[in-house]
Amino acid sequence: MRMISKEALQALRERFPKGTRVELLQMDDPQAPPIGTKGTVRGVDDIGSIMVAWDNGCGLNVIWGEDECRVLFSECDADEK
């Protein structure tokens, strides 16, 4: 397992705050939601996993250094209006 520095962990928490909308880009897990699935960040844990409530009901975390997701800025901006 990769270790995450305190600085990298803080940067992840700033980039993916609770409530942020994300889209899955890559996850190497047989139980993974389909690529393109959207979800809402529940937080970032102490090892850098992004905890996501996926719209399809899946609860798998995005693992730092292994999986990829992107912030959906348009959906975040829409929530603020």
PDB file of N, CA and C in Angstrom:
ATOM      1  N   MET A   1       0.840  -1.176   0.000  1.00  0.00           N
ATOM      2  CA  MET A   1       0.000   0.000   0.000  1.00  0.00           C
ATOM      3  C   MET A   1       0.890   1.246   0.000  1.00  0.00           C
ATOM      4  N   ARG A   2       0.497   2.219  -0.794  1.00  0.00           N
ATOM      5  CA  ARG A   2       1.234   3.480  -0.849  1.00  0.00           C
ATOM      6  C   ARG A   2       0.898   4.340   0.359  1.00  0.00           C
ATOM      7  N   MET A   3       1.902   5.034   0.846  1.00  0.00           N
ATOM      8  CA  MET A   3       1.679   5.968   1.949  1.00  0.00           C
ATOM      9  C   MET A   3       1.504   7.358   1.364  1.00  0.00           C
ATOM     10  N   ILE A   4       0.631   8.144   1.951  1.00  0.00           N
ATOM     11  CA  ILE A   4       0.377   9.496   1.485  1.00  0.00           C
ATOM     12  C   ILE A   4       0.966  10.474   2.495  1.00  0.00           C
ATOM     13  N   SER A   5       1.611  11.518   1.983  1.00  0.00           N
ATOM     14  CA  SER A   5       2.186  12.524   2.881  1.00  0.00           C
ATOM     15  C   SER A   5       1.068  13.397   3.454  1.00  0.00           C
ATOM     16  N   LYS A   6       1.366  14.057   4.554  1.00  0.00           N
ATOM     17  CA  LYS A   6       0.392  14.957   5.169  1.00  0.00           C
ATOM     18  C   LYS A   6      -0.003  16.066   4.197  1.00  0.00           C
ATOM     19  N   GLU A   7       0.976  16.540   3.412  1.00  0.00           N
ATOM     20  CA  GLU A   7       0.719  17.618   2.460  1.00  0.00           C
ATOM     21  C   GLU A   7      -0.211  17.145   1.338  1.00  0.00           C
ATOM     22  N   ALA A   8       0.052  15.941   0.829  1.00  0.00           N
ATOM     23  CA  ALA A   8      -0.791  15.390  -0.242  1.00  0.00           C
ATOM     24  C   ALA A   8      -2.194  15.105   0.272  1.00  0.00           C
ATOM     25  N   LEU A   9      -2.308  14.616   1.504  1.00  0.00           N
ATOM     26  CA  LEU A   9      -3.612  14.356   2.102  1.00  0.00           C
ATOM     27  C   LEU A   9      -4.401  15.653   2.246  1.00  0.00           C
ATOM     28  N   GLN A  10      -3.742  16.698   2.716  1.00  0.00           N
ATOM     29  CA  GLN A  10      -4.414  17.991   2.856  1.00  0.00           C
ATOM     30  C   GLN A  10      -4.868  18.512   1.493  1.00  0.00           C
ATOM     31  N   ALA A  11      -4.027  18.350   0.472  1.00  0.00           N
ATOM     32  CA  ALA A  11      -4.382  18.802  -0.876  1.00  0.00           C
ATOM     33  C   ALA A  11      -5.601  18.037  -1.402  1.00  0.00           C
ATOM     34  N   LEU A  12      -5.667  16.729  -1.149  1.00  0.00           N
ATOM     35  CA  LEU A  12      -6.831  15.933  -1.562  1.00  0.00           C
ATOM     36  C   LEU A  12      -8.094  16.423  -0.866  1.00  0.00           C
ATOM     37  N   ARG A  13      -7.980  16.687   0.426  1.00  0.00           N
ATOM     38  CA  ARG A  13      -9.155  17.154   1.184  1.00  0.00           C
ATOM     39  C   ARG A  13      -9.629  18.518   0.705  1.00  0.00           C
ATOM     40  N   GLU A  14      -8.704  19.351   0.256  1.00  0.00           N
ATOM     41  CA  GLU A  14      -9.087  20.654  -0.287  1.00  0.00           C
ATOM     42  C   GLU A  14      -9.701  20.512  -1.678  1.00  0.00           C
ATOM     43  N   ARG A  15      -9.207  19.574  -2.458  1.00  0.00           N
ATOM     44  CA  ARG A  15      -9.706  19.372  -3.827  1.00  0.00           C
ATOM     45  C   ARG A  15     -11.052  18.645  -3.840  1.00  0.00           C
ATOM     46  N   PHE A  16     -11.273  17.754  -2.854  1.00  0.00           N
ATOM     47  CA  PHE A  16     -12.488  16.944  -2.806  1.00  0.00           C
ATOM     48  C   PHE A  16     -13.221  17.118  -1.474  1.00  0.00           C
ATOM     49  N   PRO A  17     -13.700  18.329  -1.178  1.00  0.00           N
ATOM     50  CA  PRO A  17     -14.442  18.508   0.077  1.00  0.00           C
ATOM     51  C   PRO A  17     -15.794  17.787   0.036  1.00  0.00           C
ATOM     52  N   LYS A  18     -16.323  17.525   1.202  1.00  0.00           N
ATOM     53  CA  LYS A  18     -17.627  16.872   1.326  1.00  0.00           C
ATOM     54  C   LYS A  18     -18.651  17.626   0.474  1.00  0.00           C
ATOM     55  N   GLY A  19     -19.435  16.872  -0.276  1.00  0.00           N
ATOM     56  CA  GLY A  19     -20.473  17.460  -1.117  1.00  0.00           C
ATOM     57  C   GLY A  19     -20.056  17.692  -2.560  1.00  0.00           C
ATOM     58  N   THR A  20     -18.758  17.546  -2.861  1.00  0.00           N
ATOM     59  CA  THR A  20     -18.277  17.741  -4.226  1.00  0.00           C
ATOM     60  C   THR A  20     -18.819  16.638  -5.131  1.00  0.00           C
ATOM     61  N   ARG A  21     -19.271  17.021  -6.322  1.00  0.00           N
ATOM     62  CA  ARG A  21     -19.731  16.048  -7.310  1.00  0.00           C
ATOM     63  C   ARG A  21     -18.536  15.592  -8.140  1.00  0.00           C
ATOM     64  N   VAL A  22     -18.434  14.277  -8.353  1.00  0.00           N
ATOM     65  CA  VAL A  22     -17.328  13.698  -9.107  1.00  0.00           C
ATOM     66  C   VAL A  22     -17.850  12.708 -10.140  1.00  0.00           C
ATOM     67  N   GLU A  23     -16.968  12.387 -11.097  1.00  0.00           N
ATOM     68  CA  GLU A  23     -17.256  11.374 -12.110  1.00  0.00           C
ATOM     69  C   GLU A  23     -16.111  10.364 -12.099  1.00  0.00           C
ATOM     70  N   LEU A  24     -16.434   9.085 -12.130  1.00  0.00           N
ATOM     71  CA  LEU A  24     -15.426   8.037 -12.128  1.00  0.00           C
ATOM     72  C   LEU A  24     -14.755   7.941 -13.496  1.00  0.00           C
ATOM     73  N   LEU A  25     -13.416   7.966 -13.483  1.00  0.00           N
ATOM     74  CA  LEU A  25     -12.637   7.836 -14.715  1.00  0.00           C
ATOM     75  C   LEU A  25     -11.984   6.457 -14.835  1.00  0.00           C
ATOM     76  N   GLN A  26     -11.565   5.875 -13.694  1.00  0.00           N
ATOM     77  CA  GLN A  26     -10.889   4.579 -13.716  1.00  0.00           C
ATOM     78  C   GLN A  26     -10.930   3.961 -12.330  1.00  0.00           C
ATOM     79  N   MET A  27     -11.294   2.679 -12.262  1.00  0.00           N
ATOM     80  CA  MET A  27     -11.256   1.942 -11.003  1.00  0.00           C
ATOM     81  C   MET A  27     -11.044   0.466 -11.336  1.00  0.00           C
ATOM     82  N   ASP A  28      -9.977  -0.106 -10.819  1.00  0.00           N
ATOM     83  CA  ASP A  28      -9.631  -1.488 -11.107  1.00  0.00           C
ATOM     84  C   ASP A  28     -10.190  -2.395 -10.019  1.00  0.00           C
ATOM     85  N   ASP A  29     -11.477  -2.660 -10.119  1.00  0.00           N
ATOM     86  CA  ASP A  29     -12.147  -3.510  -9.138  1.00  0.00           C
ATOM     87  C   ASP A  29     -13.341  -4.162  -9.840  1.00  0.00           C
ATOM     88  N   PRO A  30     -13.532  -5.468  -9.676  1.00  0.00           N
ATOM     89  CA  PRO A  30     -14.652  -6.125 -10.355  1.00  0.00           C
ATOM     90  C   PRO A  30     -16.021  -5.599  -9.904  1.00  0.00           C
ATOM     91  N   GLN A  31     -16.084  -5.003  -8.722  1.00  0.00           N
ATOM     92  CA  GLN A  31     -17.348  -4.469  -8.207  1.00  0.00           C
ATOM     93  C   GLN A  31     -17.505  -2.966  -8.488  1.00  0.00           C
ATOM     94  N   ALA A  32     -16.572  -2.392  -9.250  1.00  0.00           N
ATOM     95  CA  ALA A  32     -16.571  -0.948  -9.499  1.00  0.00           C
ATOM     96  C   ALA A  32     -17.806  -0.521 -10.283  1.00  0.00           C
ATOM     97  N   PRO A  33     -18.278   0.681 -10.002  1.00  0.00           N
ATOM     98  CA  PRO A  33     -19.355   1.215 -10.841  1.00  0.00           C
ATOM     99  C   PRO A  33     -18.811   1.465 -12.243  1.00  0.00           C
ATOM    100  N   PRO A  34     -19.676   1.541 -13.240  1.00  0.00           N
ATOM    101  CA  PRO A  34     -19.203   1.781 -14.604  1.00  0.00           C
ATOM    102  C   PRO A  34     -18.473   3.122 -14.719  1.00  0.00           C
ATOM    103  N   ILE A  35     -17.469   3.163 -15.607  1.00  0.00           N
ATOM    104  CA  ILE A  35     -16.772   4.413 -15.887  1.00  0.00           C
ATOM    105  C   ILE A  35     -17.818   5.448 -16.301  1.00  0.00           C
ATOM    106  N   GLY A  36     -17.678   6.663 -15.811  1.00  0.00           N
ATOM    107  CA  GLY A  36     -18.642   7.716 -16.105  1.00  0.00           C
ATOM    108  C   GLY A  36     -19.706   7.880 -15.037  1.00  0.00           C
ATOM    109  N   THR A  37     -19.766   6.936 -14.092  1.00  0.00           N
ATOM    110  CA  THR A  37     -20.739   7.054 -12.995  1.00  0.00           C
ATOM    111  C   THR A  37     -20.410   8.291 -12.170  1.00  0.00           C
ATOM    112  N   LYS A  38     -21.449   9.016 -11.780  1.00  0.00           N
ATOM    113  CA  LYS A  38     -21.275  10.218 -10.966  1.00  0.00           C
ATOM    114  C   LYS A  38     -21.634   9.920  -9.525  1.00  0.00           C
ATOM    115  N   GLY A  39     -21.074  10.735  -8.626  1.00  0.00           N
ATOM    116  CA  GLY A  39     -21.356  10.557  -7.219  1.00  0.00           C
ATOM    117  C   GLY A  39     -21.019  11.803  -6.424  1.00  0.00           C
ATOM    118  N   THR A  40     -21.271  11.730  -5.123  1.00  0.00           N
ATOM    119  CA  THR A  40     -21.043  12.855  -4.212  1.00  0.00           C
ATOM    120  C   THR A  40     -20.029  12.437  -3.158  1.00  0.00           C
ATOM    121  N   VAL A  41     -19.002  13.257  -2.996  1.00  0.00           N
ATOM    122  CA  VAL A  41     -17.947  12.979  -2.016  1.00  0.00           C
ATOM    123  C   VAL A  41     -18.513  13.079  -0.604  1.00  0.00           C
ATOM    124  N   ARG A  42     -18.211  12.046   0.201  1.00  0.00           N
ATOM    125  CA  ARG A  42     -18.592  12.032   1.620  1.00  0.00           C
ATOM    126  C   ARG A  42     -17.434  12.462   2.501  1.00  0.00           C
ATOM    127  N   GLY A  43     -16.212  12.479   1.919  1.00  0.00           N
ATOM    128  CA  GLY A  43     -15.030  12.883   2.663  1.00  0.00           C
ATOM    129  C   GLY A  43     -13.798  12.172   2.130  1.00  0.00           C
ATOM    130  N   VAL A  44     -12.645  12.488   2.721  1.00  0.00           N
ATOM    131  CA  VAL A  44     -11.382  11.833   2.396  1.00  0.00           C
ATOM    132  C   VAL A  44     -10.836  11.269   3.695  1.00  0.00           C
ATOM    133  N   ASP A  45     -10.563   9.956   3.703  1.00  0.00           N
ATOM    134  CA  ASP A  45     -10.099   9.337   4.948  1.00  0.00           C
ATOM    135  C   ASP A  45      -8.598   9.558   5.153  1.00  0.00           C
ATOM    136  N   ASP A  46      -8.065   9.030   6.238  1.00  0.00           N
ATOM    137  CA  ASP A  46      -6.672   9.284   6.637  1.00  0.00           C
ATOM    138  C   ASP A  46      -5.625   8.647   5.726  1.00  0.00           C
ATOM    139  N   ILE A  47      -6.023   7.718   4.864  1.00  0.00           N
ATOM    140  CA  ILE A  47      -5.062   7.121   3.925  1.00  0.00           C
ATOM    141  C   ILE A  47      -5.238   7.677   2.506  1.00  0.00           C
ATOM    142  N   GLY A  48      -6.111   8.679   2.365  1.00  0.00           N
ATOM    143  CA  GLY A  48      -6.285   9.348   1.079  1.00  0.00           C
ATOM    144  C   GLY A  48      -7.355   8.763   0.191  1.00  0.00           C
ATOM    145  N   SER A  49      -8.163   7.855   0.700  1.00  0.00           N
ATOM    146  CA  SER A  49      -9.277   7.328  -0.095  1.00  0.00           C
ATOM    147  C   SER A  49     -10.396   8.363  -0.124  1.00  0.00           C
ATOM    148  N   ILE A  50     -10.895   8.612  -1.328  1.00  0.00           N
ATOM    149  CA  ILE A  50     -12.015   9.534  -1.487  1.00  0.00           C
ATOM    150  C   ILE A  50     -13.286   8.715  -1.328  1.00  0.00           C
ATOM    151  N   MET A  51     -14.028   8.998  -0.268  1.00  0.00           N
ATOM    152  CA  MET A  51     -15.249   8.258   0.025  1.00  0.00           C
ATOM    153  C   MET A  51     -16.386   8.885  -0.764  1.00  0.00           C
ATOM    154  N   VAL A  52     -16.989   8.083  -1.660  1.00  0.00           N
ATOM    155  CA  VAL A  52     -18.006   8.592  -2.575  1.00  0.00           C
ATOM    156  C   VAL A  52     -19.294   7.800  -2.429  1.00  0.00           C
ATOM    157  N   ALA A  53     -20.411   8.523  -2.405  1.00  0.00           N
ATOM    158  CA  ALA A  53     -21.731   7.908  -2.501  1.00  0.00           C
ATOM    159  C   ALA A  53     -22.108   7.983  -3.980  1.00  0.00           C
ATOM    160  N   TRP A  54     -21.886   6.873  -4.699  1.00  0.00           N
ATOM    161  CA  TRP A  54     -22.152   6.852  -6.134  1.00  0.00           C
ATOM    162  C   TRP A  54     -23.649   6.890  -6.390  1.00  0.00           C
ATOM    163  N   ASP A  55     -24.047   7.561  -7.464  1.00  0.00           N
ATOM    164  CA  ASP A  55     -25.464   7.708  -7.793  1.00  0.00           C
ATOM    165  C   ASP A  55     -26.157   6.372  -8.043  1.00  0.00           C
ATOM    166  N   ASN A  56     -25.389   5.333  -8.407  1.00  0.00           N
ATOM    167  CA  ASN A  56     -25.998   4.027  -8.663  1.00  0.00           C
ATOM    168  C   ASN A  56     -26.085   3.169  -7.394  1.00  0.00           C
ATOM    169  N   GLY A  57     -25.717   3.730  -6.248  1.00  0.00           N
ATOM    170  CA  GLY A  57     -25.825   3.012  -4.983  1.00  0.00           C
ATOM    171  C   GLY A  57     -24.551   2.333  -4.524  1.00  0.00           C
ATOM    172  N   CYS A  58     -23.538   2.274  -5.376  1.00  0.00           N
ATOM    173  CA  CYS A  58     -22.262   1.665  -5.008  1.00  0.00           C
ATOM    174  C   CYS A  58     -21.577   2.512  -3.931  1.00  0.00           C
ATOM    175  N   GLY A  59     -20.819   1.876  -3.077  1.00  0.00           N
ATOM    176  CA  GLY A  59     -20.140   2.599  -2.013  1.00  0.00           C
ATOM    177  C   GLY A  59     -18.629   2.460  -2.024  1.00  0.00           C
ATOM    178  N   LEU A  60     -18.051   1.968  -3.134  1.00  0.00           N
ATOM    179  CA  LEU A  60     -16.595   1.809  -3.183  1.00  0.00           C
ATOM    180  C   LEU A  60     -15.883   3.151  -3.174  1.00  0.00           C
ATOM    181  N   ASN A  61     -14.785   3.210  -2.425  1.00  0.00           N
ATOM    182  CA  ASN A  61     -13.967   4.427  -2.367  1.00  0.00           C
ATOM    183  C   ASN A  61     -13.046   4.521  -3.567  1.00  0.00           C
ATOM    184  N   VAL A  62     -12.666   5.747  -3.916  1.00  0.00           N
ATOM    185  CA  VAL A  62     -11.651   5.993  -4.933  1.00  0.00           C
ATOM    186  C   VAL A  62     -10.315   5.961  -4.200  1.00  0.00           C
ATOM    187  N   ILE A  63      -9.465   4.992  -4.531  1.00  0.00           N
ATOM    188  CA  ILE A  63      -8.215   4.766  -3.821  1.00  0.00           C
ATOM    189  C   ILE A  63      -7.113   5.656  -4.379  1.00  0.00           C
ATOM    190  N   TRP A  64      -6.494   6.452  -3.499  1.00  0.00           N
ATOM    191  CA  TRP A  64      -5.416   7.352  -3.894  1.00  0.00           C
ATOM    192  C   TRP A  64      -4.280   6.581  -4.544  1.00  0.00           C
ATOM    193  N   GLY A  65      -3.836   7.062  -5.700  1.00  0.00           N
ATOM    194  CA  GLY A  65      -2.723   6.447  -6.396  1.00  0.00           C
ATOM    195  C   GLY A  65      -3.104   5.248  -7.251  1.00  0.00           C
ATOM    196  N   GLU A  66      -4.356   4.803  -7.185  1.00  0.00           N
ATOM    197  CA  GLU A  66      -4.810   3.634  -7.950  1.00  0.00           C
ATOM    198  C   GLU A  66      -5.970   3.982  -8.881  1.00  0.00           C
ATOM    199  N   ASP A  67      -6.994   4.606  -8.346  1.00  0.00           N
ATOM    200  CA  ASP A  67      -8.206   4.925  -9.097  1.00  0.00           C
ATOM    201  C   ASP A  67      -8.205   6.404  -9.480  1.00  0.00           C
ATOM    202  N   GLU A  68      -9.127   6.772 -10.365  1.00  0.00           N
ATOM    203  CA  GLU A  68      -9.199   8.169 -10.787  1.00  0.00           C
ATOM    204  C   GLU A  68     -10.650   8.638 -10.874  1.00  0.00           C
ATOM    205  N   CYS A  69     -10.857   9.867 -10.427  1.00  0.00           N
ATOM    206  CA  CYS A  69     -12.135  10.535 -10.626  1.00  0.00           C
ATOM    207  C   CYS A  69     -11.845  12.006 -10.880  1.00  0.00           C
ATOM    208  N   ARG A  70     -12.842  12.704 -11.417  1.00  0.00           N
ATOM    209  CA  ARG A  70     -12.653  14.135 -11.661  1.00  0.00           C
ATOM    210  C   ARG A  70     -13.814  14.903 -11.048  1.00  0.00           C
ATOM    211  N   VAL A  71     -13.511  16.129 -10.661  1.00  0.00           N
ATOM    212  CA  VAL A  71     -14.531  17.015 -10.100  1.00  0.00           C
ATOM    213  C   VAL A  71     -15.413  17.501 -11.235  1.00  0.00           C
ATOM    214  N   LEU A  72     -16.711  17.517 -10.992  1.00  0.00           N
ATOM    215  CA  LEU A  72     -17.675  18.041 -11.948  1.00  0.00           C
ATOM    216  C   LEU A  72     -17.990  19.481 -11.536  1.00  0.00           C
ATOM    217  N   PHE A  73     -17.168  20.389 -12.012  1.00  0.00           N
ATOM    218  CA  PHE A  73     -17.303  21.791 -11.604  1.00  0.00           C
ATOM    219  C   PHE A  73     -18.665  22.365 -11.947  1.00  0.00           C
ATOM    220  N   SER A  74     -19.224  21.997 -13.101  1.00  0.00           N
ATOM    221  CA  SER A  74     -20.516  22.552 -13.498  1.00  0.00           C
ATOM    222  C   SER A  74     -21.610  22.163 -12.508  1.00  0.00           C
ATOM    223  N   GLU A  75     -21.548  20.934 -11.979  1.00  0.00           N
ATOM    224  CA  GLU A  75     -22.548  20.512 -10.997  1.00  0.00           C
ATOM    225  C   GLU A  75     -22.301  21.158  -9.644  1.00  0.00           C
ATOM    226  N   CYS A  76     -21.028  21.412  -9.306  1.00  0.00           N
ATOM    227  CA  CYS A  76     -20.716  22.085  -8.048  1.00  0.00           C
ATOM    228  C   CYS A  76     -21.206  23.525  -8.112  1.00  0.00           C
ATOM    229  N   ASP A  77     -20.948  24.199  -9.242  1.00  0.00           N
ATOM    230  CA  ASP A  77     -21.384  25.581  -9.412  1.00  0.00           C
ATOM    231  C   ASP A  77     -22.901  25.690  -9.379  1.00  0.00           C
ATOM    232  N   ALA A  78     -23.595  24.719  -9.950  1.00  0.00           N
ATOM    233  CA  ALA A  78     -25.056  24.762 -10.002  1.00  0.00           C
ATOM    234  C   ALA A  78     -25.648  24.674  -8.607  1.00  0.00           C
ATOM    235  N   ASP A  79     -25.001  23.910  -7.710  1.00  0.00           N
ATOM    236  CA  ASP A  79     -25.500  23.773  -6.350  1.00  0.00           C
ATOM    237  C   ASP A  79     -25.385  25.069  -5.558  1.00  0.00           C
ATOM    238  N   GLU A  80     -24.413  25.923  -5.934  1.00  0.00           N
ATOM    239  CA  GLU A  80     -24.180  27.150  -5.191  1.00  0.00           C
ATOM    240  C   GLU A  80     -25.131  28.260  -5.598  1.00  0.00           C
ATOM    241  N   LYS A  81     -25.790  28.120  -6.744  1.00  0.00           N
ATOM    242  CA  LYS A  81     -26.686  29.184  -7.250  1.00  0.00           C
ATOM    243  C   LYS A  81     -28.033  29.117  -6.619  1.00  0.00           C
TER     244      LYS A  81
END
